[in-house]
PDB file of N, CA and C in Angstrom:
ATOM      1  N   MET A   1      94.571  48.932 131.319  1.00  0.00           N
ATOM      2  CA  MET A   1      93.888  49.691 132.217  1.00  0.00           C
ATOM      3  C   MET A   1      94.422  50.866 133.459  1.00  0.00           C
ATOM      4  N   ASN A   2      94.284  52.025 133.084  1.00  0.00           N
ATOM      5  CA  ASN A   2      94.610  52.652 134.106  1.00  0.00           C
ATOM      6  C   ASN A   2      93.808  52.964 135.301  1.00  0.00           C
ATOM      7  N   MET A   3      94.535  53.151 136.543  1.00  0.00           N
ATOM      8  CA  MET A   3      93.807  52.715 137.703  1.00  0.00           C
ATOM      9  C   MET A   3      93.792  54.483 138.342  1.00  0.00           C
ATOM     10  N   HIS A   4      92.648  54.594 138.720  1.00  0.00           N
ATOM     11  CA  HIS A   4      92.554  56.232 139.471  1.00  0.00           C
ATOM     12  C   HIS A   4      91.844  55.963 140.825  1.00  0.00           C
ATOM     13  N   ARG A   5      92.157  56.921 141.703  1.00  0.00           N
ATOM     14  CA  ARG A   5      91.689  56.848 143.211  1.00  0.00           C
ATOM     15  C   ARG A   5      91.138  58.134 143.551  1.00  0.00           C
ATOM     16  N   PHE A   6      90.118  58.204 143.744  1.00  0.00           N
ATOM     17  CA  PHE A   6      89.216  59.278 144.268  1.00  0.00           C
ATOM     18  C   PHE A   6      88.593  58.989 145.699  1.00  0.00           C
ATOM     19  N   LEU A   7      88.306  60.413 146.429  1.00  0.00           N
ATOM     20  CA  LEU A   7      87.810  60.118 147.458  1.00  0.00           C
ATOM     21  C   LEU A   7      86.337  60.246 147.682  1.00  0.00           C
ATOM     22  N   VAL A   8      85.956  59.596 148.162  1.00  0.00           N
ATOM     23  CA  VAL A   8      84.315  59.570 148.183  1.00  0.00           C
ATOM     24  C   VAL A   8      83.699  59.379 149.599  1.00  0.00           C
ATOM     25  N   VAL A   9      82.747  60.507 149.895  1.00  0.00           N
ATOM     26  CA  VAL A   9      82.096  60.803 151.041  1.00  0.00           C
ATOM     27  C   VAL A   9      80.712  60.145 150.914  1.00  0.00           C
ATOM     28  N   ILE A  10      80.728  59.522 151.896  1.00  0.00           N
ATOM     29  CA  ILE A  10      79.241  58.849 152.023  1.00  0.00           C
ATOM     30  C   ILE A  10      78.554  59.246 153.251  1.00  0.00           C
ATOM     31  N   GLU A  11      77.255  59.594 153.049  1.00  0.00           N
ATOM     32  CA  GLU A  11      76.972  60.390 154.480  1.00  0.00           C
ATOM     33  C   GLU A  11      75.487  59.694 154.489  1.00  0.00           C
ATOM     34  N   ALA A  12      74.807  59.578 155.954  1.00  0.00           N
ATOM     35  CA  ALA A  12      73.662  59.378 156.036  1.00  0.00           C
ATOM     36  C   ALA A  12      72.707  60.383 155.455  1.00  0.00           C
ATOM     37  N   ALA A  13      71.312  59.856 155.207  1.00  0.00           N
ATOM     38  CA  ALA A  13      70.606  60.836 154.511  1.00  0.00           C
ATOM     39  C   ALA A  13      69.098  60.447 154.927  1.00  0.00           C
ATOM     40  N   GLY A  14      68.560  60.462 156.212  1.00  0.00           N
ATOM     41  CA  GLY A  14      67.569  60.290 156.545  1.00  0.00           C
ATOM     42  C   GLY A  14      67.494  58.877 156.576  1.00  0.00           C
ATOM     43  N   GLU A  15      66.581  58.074 156.000  1.00  0.00           N
ATOM     44  CA  GLU A  15      66.717  56.597 155.763  1.00  0.00           C
ATOM     45  C   GLU A  15      67.321  55.924 154.905  1.00  0.00           C
ATOM     46  N   ASN A  16      68.310  56.581 154.254  1.00  0.00           N
ATOM     47  CA  ASN A  16      69.022  56.036 153.296  1.00  0.00           C
ATOM     48  C   ASN A  16      70.246  56.750 153.368  1.00  0.00           C
ATOM     49  N   TYR A  17      71.437  56.681 152.425  1.00  0.00           N
ATOM     50  CA  TYR A  17      72.816  56.825 152.186  1.00  0.00           C
ATOM     51  C   TYR A  17      72.982  57.813 150.808  1.00  0.00           C
ATOM     52  N   SER A  18      73.948  58.743 150.873  1.00  0.00           N
ATOM     53  CA  SER A  18      74.153  59.332 149.378  1.00  0.00           C
ATOM     54  C   SER A  18      75.666  59.508 149.666  1.00  0.00           C
ATOM     55  N   ALA A  19      76.549  59.194 148.558  1.00  0.00           N
ATOM     56  CA  ALA A  19      77.590  59.482 148.396  1.00  0.00           C
ATOM     57  C   ALA A  19      77.935  60.485 147.260  1.00  0.00           C
ATOM     58  N   TYR A  20      79.128  61.145 147.259  1.00  0.00           N
ATOM     59  CA  TYR A  20      79.951  61.885 146.157  1.00  0.00           C
ATOM     60  C   TYR A  20      81.328  61.933 146.355  1.00  0.00           C
ATOM     61  N   SER A  21      81.966  62.646 145.055  1.00  0.00           N
ATOM     62  CA  SER A  21      83.003  62.668 145.290  1.00  0.00           C
ATOM     63  C   SER A  21      83.484  64.003 144.962  1.00  0.00           C
ATOM     64  N   PRO A  22      84.355  64.710 145.980  1.00  0.00           N
ATOM     65  CA  PRO A  22      84.745  66.218 145.635  1.00  0.00           C
ATOM     66  C   PRO A  22      85.674  66.407 144.299  1.00  0.00           C
ATOM     67  N   ASP A  23      86.073  65.171 144.133  1.00  0.00           N
ATOM     68  CA  ASP A  23      87.051  65.557 142.767  1.00  0.00           C
ATOM     69  C   ASP A  23      86.428  65.443 141.200  1.00  0.00           C
ATOM     70  N   LEU A  24      85.255  64.978 141.503  1.00  0.00           N
ATOM     71  CA  LEU A  24      84.362  64.686 140.493  1.00  0.00           C
ATOM     72  C   LEU A  24      82.549  65.194 140.468  1.00  0.00           C
ATOM     73  N   PRO A  25      82.854  66.415 140.376  1.00  0.00           N
ATOM     74  CA  PRO A  25      81.555  67.415 140.345  1.00  0.00           C
ATOM     75  C   PRO A  25      80.421  66.427 139.568  1.00  0.00           C
ATOM     76  N   GLY A  26      79.113  66.323 140.260  1.00  0.00           N
ATOM     77  CA  GLY A  26      78.195  65.737 139.581  1.00  0.00           C
ATOM     78  C   GLY A  26      78.068  64.146 139.540  1.00  0.00           C
ATOM     79  N   CYS A  27      79.092  63.703 140.278  1.00  0.00           N
ATOM     80  CA  CYS A  27      78.968  62.280 140.230  1.00  0.00           C
ATOM     81  C   CYS A  27      78.769  62.048 141.645  1.00  0.00           C
ATOM     82  N   VAL A  28      77.378  61.484 141.543  1.00  0.00           N
ATOM     83  CA  VAL A  28      76.889  60.898 142.819  1.00  0.00           C
ATOM     84  C   VAL A  28      76.240  59.775 142.807  1.00  0.00           C
ATOM     85  N   ALA A  29      75.724  59.198 144.036  1.00  0.00           N
ATOM     86  CA  ALA A  29      75.211  57.844 144.325  1.00  0.00           C
ATOM     87  C   ALA A  29      74.374  57.958 145.460  1.00  0.00           C
ATOM     88  N   THR A  30      73.386  56.873 145.500  1.00  0.00           N
ATOM     89  CA  THR A  30      72.586  56.778 146.623  1.00  0.00           C
ATOM     90  C   THR A  30      72.225  55.389 147.042  1.00  0.00           C
ATOM     91  N   GLY A  31      72.016  54.890 148.476  1.00  0.00           N
ATOM     92  CA  GLY A  31      71.528  53.646 148.457  1.00  0.00           C
ATOM     93  C   GLY A  31      70.909  53.464 149.896  1.00  0.00           C
ATOM     94  N   ALA A  32      70.312  52.144 150.075  1.00  0.00           N
ATOM     95  CA  ALA A  32      69.675  51.729 151.526  1.00  0.00           C
ATOM     96  C   ALA A  32      70.582  51.540 152.091  1.00  0.00           C
ATOM     97  N   THR A  33      72.049  51.268 152.131  1.00  0.00           N
ATOM     98  CA  THR A  33      72.659  50.689 153.211  1.00  0.00           C
ATOM     99  C   THR A  33      74.061  51.626 152.747  1.00  0.00           C
ATOM    100  N   HIS A  34      74.980  51.725 153.743  1.00  0.00           N
ATOM    101  CA  HIS A  34      76.338  51.968 153.384  1.00  0.00           C
ATOM    102  C   HIS A  34      76.992  51.362 152.414  1.00  0.00           C
ATOM    103  N   GLU A  35      76.736  49.962 152.380  1.00  0.00           N
ATOM    104  CA  GLU A  35      77.492  48.789 151.684  1.00  0.00           C
ATOM    105  C   GLU A  35      76.931  49.346 150.297  1.00  0.00           C
ATOM    106  N   GLU A  36      75.527  49.280 150.051  1.00  0.00           N
ATOM    107  CA  GLU A  36      74.923  49.408 148.854  1.00  0.00           C
ATOM    108  C   GLU A  36      75.543  50.800 147.867  1.00  0.00           C
ATOM    109  N   THR A  37      75.378  51.719 148.700  1.00  0.00           N
ATOM    110  CA  THR A  37      75.739  53.165 148.247  1.00  0.00           C
ATOM    111  C   THR A  37      77.262  53.219 147.980  1.00  0.00           C
ATOM    112  N   GLU A  38      78.061  52.522 148.586  1.00  0.00           N
ATOM    113  CA  GLU A  38      79.393  52.134 148.077  1.00  0.00           C
ATOM    114  C   GLU A  38      79.526  51.691 146.960  1.00  0.00           C
ATOM    115  N   ARG A  39      78.879  50.688 146.558  1.00  0.00           N
ATOM    116  CA  ARG A  39      78.706  49.787 145.376  1.00  0.00           C
ATOM    117  C   ARG A  39      78.093  50.629 144.304  1.00  0.00           C
ATOM    118  N   ASN A  40      77.047  51.447 144.488  1.00  0.00           N
ATOM    119  CA  ASN A  40      76.736  52.433 143.634  1.00  0.00           C
ATOM    120  C   ASN A  40      77.537  53.548 143.246  1.00  0.00           C
ATOM    121  N   MET A  41      78.355  54.038 144.302  1.00  0.00           N
ATOM    122  CA  MET A  41      79.238  55.101 143.808  1.00  0.00           C
ATOM    123  C   MET A  41      80.409  54.776 142.833  1.00  0.00           C
ATOM    124  N   TYR A  42      80.568  53.422 142.876  1.00  0.00           N
ATOM    125  CA  TYR A  42      81.600  52.911 142.307  1.00  0.00           C
ATOM    126  C   TYR A  42      81.450  52.731 140.878  1.00  0.00           C
ATOM    127  N   GLU A  43      80.334  52.102 140.765  1.00  0.00           N
ATOM    128  CA  GLU A  43      79.526  52.227 139.188  1.00  0.00           C
ATOM    129  C   GLU A  43      79.526  53.783 138.671  1.00  0.00           C
ATOM    130  N   ALA A  44      78.822  54.527 139.499  1.00  0.00           N
ATOM    131  CA  ALA A  44      79.044  55.852 139.194  1.00  0.00           C
ATOM    132  C   ALA A  44      80.104  56.303 138.505  1.00  0.00           C
ATOM    133  N   ILE A  45      81.122  56.425 139.520  1.00  0.00           N
ATOM    134  CA  ILE A  45      82.589  56.703 139.131  1.00  0.00           C
ATOM    135  C   ILE A  45      82.897  55.907 137.704  1.00  0.00           C
ATOM    136  N   GLN A  46      82.851  54.646 137.682  1.00  0.00           N
ATOM    137  CA  GLN A  46      83.163  54.062 136.452  1.00  0.00           C
ATOM    138  C   GLN A  46      82.357  54.602 135.254  1.00  0.00           C
ATOM    139  N   LEU A  47      81.219  54.820 135.152  1.00  0.00           N
ATOM    140  CA  LEU A  47      80.423  55.387 134.204  1.00  0.00           C
ATOM    141  C   LEU A  47      80.712  57.138 133.797  1.00  0.00           C
ATOM    142  N   HIS A  48      81.302  57.630 135.130  1.00  0.00           N
ATOM    143  CA  HIS A  48      81.656  58.981 134.740  1.00  0.00           C
ATOM    144  C   HIS A  48      83.087  59.127 134.131  1.00  0.00           C
ATOM    145  N   ILE A  49      83.788  58.149 134.473  1.00  0.00           N
ATOM    146  CA  ILE A  49      85.134  58.173 134.031  1.00  0.00           C
ATOM    147  C   ILE A  49      85.197  57.931 132.286  1.00  0.00           C
ATOM    148  N   GLU A  50      84.225  56.766 131.870  1.00  0.00           N
ATOM    149  CA  GLU A  50      83.627  56.428 130.771  1.00  0.00           C
ATOM    150  C   GLU A  50      83.248  57.287 129.763  1.00  0.00           C
ATOM    151  N   GLY A  51      82.614  58.339 130.594  1.00  0.00           N
ATOM    152  CA  GLY A  51      81.843  59.449 129.707  1.00  0.00           C
ATOM    153  C   GLY A  51      82.897  60.371 129.251  1.00  0.00           C
ATOM    154  N   LEU A  52      83.939  60.692 130.273  1.00  0.00           N
ATOM    155  CA  LEU A  52      84.960  61.752 130.321  1.00  0.00           C
ATOM    156  C   LEU A  52      85.506  61.313 128.784  1.00  0.00           C
ATOM    157  N   ILE A  53      86.027  59.901 128.867  1.00  0.00           N
ATOM    158  CA  ILE A  53      87.121  59.768 128.203  1.00  0.00           C
ATOM    159  C   ILE A  53      86.358  59.645 126.813  1.00  0.00           C
ATOM    160  N   GLU A  54      85.039  59.219 126.592  1.00  0.00           N
ATOM    161  CA  GLU A  54      84.345  59.450 125.420  1.00  0.00           C
ATOM    162  C   GLU A  54      84.006  60.658 124.620  1.00  0.00           C
ATOM    163  N   ASP A  55      83.912  61.823 125.408  1.00  0.00           N
ATOM    164  CA  ASP A  55      83.996  62.720 125.026  1.00  0.00           C
ATOM    165  C   ASP A  55      85.411  63.654 124.816  1.00  0.00           C
ATOM    166  N   GLY A  56      86.492  63.065 125.180  1.00  0.00           N
ATOM    167  CA  GLY A  56      87.568  63.230 124.854  1.00  0.00           C
ATOM    168  C   GLY A  56      88.111  64.267 126.031  1.00  0.00           C
ATOM    169  N   LEU A  57      87.592  64.235 127.229  1.00  0.00           N
ATOM    170  CA  LEU A  57      87.946  65.180 128.544  1.00  0.00           C
ATOM    171  C   LEU A  57      88.618  64.321 129.171  1.00  0.00           C
ATOM    172  N   PRO A  58      89.954  65.311 130.167  1.00  0.00           N
ATOM    173  CA  PRO A  58      90.615  64.795 130.627  1.00  0.00           C
ATOM    174  C   PRO A  58      90.019  63.921 131.950  1.00  0.00           C
ATOM    175  N   ILE A  59      90.680  63.065 132.552  1.00  0.00           N
ATOM    176  CA  ILE A  59      90.393  62.450 133.802  1.00  0.00           C
ATOM    177  C   ILE A  59      90.821  63.304 134.940  1.00  0.00           C
ATOM    178  N   PRO A  60      90.323  63.775 135.781  1.00  0.00           N
ATOM    179  CA  PRO A  60      90.553  64.929 136.808  1.00  0.00           C
ATOM    180  C   PRO A  60      91.768  64.164 137.665  1.00  0.00           C
ATOM    181  N   GLN A  61      92.757  64.780 138.019  1.00  0.00           N
ATOM    182  CA  GLN A  61      93.577  64.318 139.439  1.00  0.00           C
ATOM    183  C   GLN A  61      93.018  64.265 140.489  1.00  0.00           C
ATOM    184  N   SER A  62      92.747  63.435 141.307  1.00  0.00           N
ATOM    185  CA  SER A  62      92.401  63.467 142.960  1.00  0.00           C
ATOM    186  C   SER A  62      93.445  64.291 143.589  1.00  0.00           C
ATOM    187  N   THR A  63      92.671  65.498 144.230  1.00  0.00           N
ATOM    188  CA  THR A  63      93.378  66.407 144.968  1.00  0.00           C
ATOM    189  C   THR A  63      92.755  66.279 146.577  1.00  0.00           C
ATOM    190  N   ALA A  64      91.650  65.914 146.502  1.00  0.00           N
ATOM    191  CA  ALA A  64      90.668  65.961 147.918  1.00  0.00           C
ATOM    192  C   ALA A  64      91.346  65.178 148.757  1.00  0.00           C
ATOM    193  N   PHE A  65      91.400  65.318 150.218  1.00  0.00           N
ATOM    194  CA  PHE A  65      91.440  64.392 151.245  1.00  0.00           C
ATOM    195  C   PHE A  65      90.767  64.701 152.219  1.00  0.00           C
ATOM    196  N   ALA A  66      90.776  63.566 153.348  1.00  0.00           N
ATOM    197  CA  ALA A  66      89.822  63.937 154.454  1.00  0.00           C
ATOM    198  C   ALA A  66      90.741  63.516 155.594  1.00  0.00           C
ATOM    199  N   GLU A  67      90.261  64.009 156.875  1.00  0.00           N
ATOM    200  CA  GLU A  67      91.226  63.766 158.143  1.00  0.00           C
ATOM    201  C   GLU A  67      89.724  63.992 158.870  1.00  0.00           C
ATOM    202  N   TYR A  68      89.860  63.170 160.169  1.00  0.00           N
ATOM    203  CA  TYR A  68      89.142  63.370 161.488  1.00  0.00           C
ATOM    204  C   TYR A  68      89.902  64.420 162.239  1.00  0.00           C
ATOM    205  N   LEU A  69      89.319  65.487 162.795  1.00  0.00           N
ATOM    206  CA  LEU A  69      89.810  66.552 163.956  1.00  0.00           C
ATOM    207  C   LEU A  69      89.281  66.069 165.090  1.00  0.00           C
ATOM    208  N   VAL A  70      89.969  65.947 166.358  1.00  0.00           N
ATOM    209  CA  VAL A  70      89.763  65.724 167.353  1.00  0.00           C
ATOM    210  C   VAL A  70      89.319  67.009 168.390  1.00  0.00           C
ATOM    211  N   VAL A  71      88.157  67.516 168.541  1.00  0.00           N
ATOM    212  CA  VAL A  71      88.067  68.795 169.198  1.00  0.00           C
ATOM    213  C   VAL A  71      87.444  68.857 170.496  1.00  0.00           C
ATOM    214  N   GLY A  72      87.868  69.095 171.476  1.00  0.00           N
ATOM    215  CA  GLY A  72      87.080  69.086 172.863  1.00  0.00           C
ATOM    216  C   GLY A  72      86.310  70.217 173.325  1.00  0.00           C
ATOM    217  N   ALA A  73      85.147  70.043 173.760  1.00  0.00           N
ATOM    218  CA  ALA A  73      84.091  70.920 174.321  1.00  0.00           C
ATOM    219  C   ALA A  73      83.720  71.055 175.592  1.00  0.00           C
TER     220      ALA A  73
END
């Protein structure tokens, strides 16, 4: 089993949360809590990768990264 690492962005979306991965366009998830959204996104990524494999498509390399910047105003 190959292991892959993808950046996932989880955002508050009103009364729930949403998540996406910049390296996997179209792979998204939602949930009522941050933790539920993270679990749902994990499952969404697994299904996305399985679909890529079934279709004979390459699994993208992760190139996205995130940083916090401190900016004074």
